[in-house]
C-alpha atoms as a PDB file:
ATOM      1  CA  MET A   1     -33.271   3.778 -32.689  1.00  0.00           C
ATOM      2  CA  ILE A   2     -30.715   1.948 -34.818  1.00  0.00           C
ATOM      3  CA  LEU A   3     -27.839   3.990 -33.413  1.00  0.00           C
ATOM      4  CA  LYS A   4     -28.790   3.393 -29.819  1.00  0.00           C
ATOM      5  CA  LYS A   5     -28.587  -0.480 -29.959  1.00  0.00           C
ATOM      6  CA  PRO A   6     -24.859  -0.534 -31.152  1.00  0.00           C
ATOM      7  CA  PHE A   7     -23.991   2.150 -28.614  1.00  0.00           C
ATOM      8  CA  TRP A   8     -25.440  -0.015 -25.757  1.00  0.00           C
ATOM      9  CA  LEU A   9     -23.810  -3.141 -27.065  1.00  0.00           C
ATOM     10  CA  ALA A  10     -20.461  -1.438 -27.305  1.00  0.00           C
ATOM     11  CA  SER A  11     -20.865   0.136 -23.802  1.00  0.00           C
ATOM     12  CA  ALA A  12     -21.844  -3.262 -22.375  1.00  0.00           C
ATOM     13  CA  GLY A  13     -18.888  -4.908 -24.066  1.00  0.00           C
ATOM     14  CA  LEU A  14     -16.526  -2.282 -22.753  1.00  0.00           C
ATOM     15  CA  ILE A  15     -17.871  -2.712 -19.316  1.00  0.00           C
ATOM     16  CA  LEU A  16     -17.556  -6.460 -19.590  1.00  0.00           C
ATOM     17  CA  LEU A  17     -13.928  -6.153 -20.738  1.00  0.00           C
ATOM     18  CA  LEU A  18     -13.157  -3.835 -17.828  1.00  0.00           C
ATOM     19  CA  VAL A  19     -14.706  -6.192 -15.256  1.00  0.00           C
ATOM     20  CA  ILE A  20     -12.644  -9.068 -16.636  1.00  0.00           C
ATOM     21  CA  PHE A  21      -9.275  -7.446 -17.233  1.00  0.00           C
ATOM     22  CA  LEU A  22      -9.111  -4.615 -14.665  1.00  0.00           C
ATOM     23  CA  PRO A  23      -8.351  -6.694 -11.587  1.00  0.00           C
ATOM     24  CA  GLY A  24      -5.541  -8.482 -13.425  1.00  0.00           C
ATOM     25  CA  TYR A  25      -4.131  -5.197 -14.654  1.00  0.00           C
ATOM     26  CA  THR A  26      -4.084  -3.577 -11.279  1.00  0.00           C
ATOM     27  CA  LYS A  27      -2.478  -6.693  -9.765  1.00  0.00           C
ATOM     28  CA  ILE A  28       0.307  -6.544 -12.400  1.00  0.00           C
ATOM     29  CA  GLN A  29       0.851  -2.787 -11.599  1.00  0.00           C
ATOM     30  CA  GLU A  30       1.057  -3.584  -7.808  1.00  0.00           C
ATOM     31  CA  LEU A  31       3.603  -6.331  -8.470  1.00  0.00           C
ATOM     32  CA  LYS A  32       5.636  -4.061 -10.685  1.00  0.00           C
ATOM     33  CA  ASP A  33       5.705  -1.384  -8.055  1.00  0.00           C
ATOM     34  CA  ARG A  34       6.715  -3.975  -5.387  1.00  0.00           C
ATOM     35  CA  ASN A  35       9.427  -5.324  -7.736  1.00  0.00           C
ATOM     36  CA  ARG A  36      10.775  -1.790  -8.249  1.00  0.00           C
ATOM     37  CA  ASP A  37      10.813  -1.181  -4.469  1.00  0.00           C
ATOM     38  CA  LEU A  38      12.590  -4.472  -3.783  1.00  0.00           C
ATOM     39  CA  LYS A  39      15.230  -3.707  -6.463  1.00  0.00           C
ATOM     40  CA  GLU A  40      15.946  -0.370  -4.784  1.00  0.00           C
ATOM     41  CA  LYS A  41      16.084  -1.920  -1.383  1.00  0.00           C
ATOM     42  CA  ASN A  42      18.453  -4.648  -2.756  1.00  0.00           C
ATOM     43  CA  ALA A  43      20.747  -1.927  -4.253  1.00  0.00           C
ATOM     44  CA  ARG A  44      20.835  -0.060  -0.890  1.00  0.00           C
ATOM     45  CA  LEU A  45      21.611  -3.346   0.955  1.00  0.00           C
ATOM     46  CA  ILE A  46      24.342  -4.105  -1.433  1.00  0.00           C
ATOM     47  CA  GLN A  47      25.954  -0.685  -0.838  1.00  0.00           C
ATOM     48  CA  GLU A  48      25.593  -1.112   2.893  1.00  0.00           C
ATOM     49  CA  ASN A  49      27.102  -4.603   2.815  1.00  0.00           C
ATOM     50  CA  LEU A  50      30.154  -3.221   0.913  1.00  0.00           C
ATOM     51  CA  VAL A  51      30.596  -0.621   3.601  1.00  0.00           C
ATOM     52  CA  LEU A  52      30.374  -3.074   6.359  1.00  0.00           C
ATOM     53  CA  GLU A  53      32.862  -5.342   4.540  1.00  0.00           C
ATOM     54  CA  LYS A  54      35.399  -2.580   4.348  1.00  0.00           C
ATOM     55  CA  GLU A  55      34.802  -1.813   7.994  1.00  0.00           C
ATOM     56  CA  LEU A  56      35.360  -5.485   8.960  1.00  0.00           C
ATOM     57  CA  ASP A  57      38.491  -5.697   6.858  1.00  0.00           C
ATOM     58  CA  ARG A  58      39.854  -2.516   8.510  1.00  0.00           C
ATOM     59  CA  ILE A  59      38.962  -3.942  11.933  1.00  0.00           C
ATOM     60  CA  GLU A  60      40.744  -7.215  11.243  1.00  0.00           C
ATOM     61  CA  LYS A  61      43.901  -5.718   9.779  1.00  0.00           C
ATOM     62  CA  ASP A  62      44.441  -2.278  11.318  1.00  0.00           C
ATOM     63  CA  ALA A  63      45.859  -2.456  14.803  1.00  0.00           C
ATOM     64  CA  PHE A  64      45.539   1.245  15.388  1.00  0.00           C
ATOM     65  CA  TYR A  65      41.864   1.120  14.424  1.00  0.00           C
ATOM     66  CA  GLN A  66      41.388  -1.821  16.704  1.00  0.00           C
ATOM     67  CA  GLU A  67      42.859   0.065  19.617  1.00  0.00           C
ATOM     68  CA  LYS A  68      40.742   3.157  18.763  1.00  0.00           C
ATOM     69  CA  ILE A  69      37.529   1.017  18.910  1.00  0.00           C
ATOM     70  CA  LEU A  70      38.515  -0.602  22.081  1.00  0.00           C
ATOM     71  CA  ARG A  71      39.210   2.763  23.732  1.00  0.00           C
ATOM     72  CA  ASP A  72      36.264   4.696  22.363  1.00  0.00           C
ATOM     73  CA  LYS A  73      33.467   2.097  22.403  1.00  0.00           C
ATOM     74  CA  MET A  74      34.566  -0.359  25.057  1.00  0.00           C
ATOM     75  CA  GLY A  75      36.419   1.941  27.490  1.00  0.00           C
ATOM     76  CA  VAL A  76      39.549  -0.221  27.578  1.00  0.00           C
ATOM     77  CA  VAL A  77      42.697   1.502  28.854  1.00  0.00           C
ATOM     78  CA  ARG A  78      46.414   0.266  28.725  1.00  0.00           C
ATOM     79  CA  LYS A  79      48.267  -0.870  31.703  1.00  0.00           C
ATOM     80  CA  ASN A  80      49.515   1.933  33.884  1.00  0.00           C
ATOM     81  CA  GLU A  81      47.093   4.409  32.366  1.00  0.00           C
ATOM     82  CA  VAL A  82      44.612   6.270  34.477  1.00  0.00           C
ATOM     83  CA  PRO A  83      41.111   6.681  32.970  1.00  0.00           C
ATOM     84  CA  VAL A  84      39.660  10.092  33.220  1.00  0.00           C
ATOM     85  CA  LYS A  85      35.953  10.736  32.971  1.00  0.00           C
ATOM     86  CA  VAL A  86      34.874  14.214  32.030  1.00  0.00           C
ATOM     87  CA  VAL A  87      31.500  15.188  33.463  1.00  0.00           C
ATOM     88  CA  THR A  88      29.785  18.139  31.763  1.00  0.00           C
ATOM     89  CA  GLU A  89      27.157  20.104  33.464  1.00  0.00           C
END
């Protein structure tokens, strides 16, 4: 009988501690996971930003690249050129 009482007290104390601290612990873990995900997203966005900055710099400074974009994406042709449209079946 003497051994049963300390066991129940220890069990009740452990359950009480879990009830008190478990919600806070799980919230901290969720926030750590979110923080890690946001850091990874930030790193990807930094890399994407660098690529876009290089692309913008090239567009601003490279006349041949500007012409390529105008021709390919916007369909612009030079004066006295005849545009040809290839239709595939």
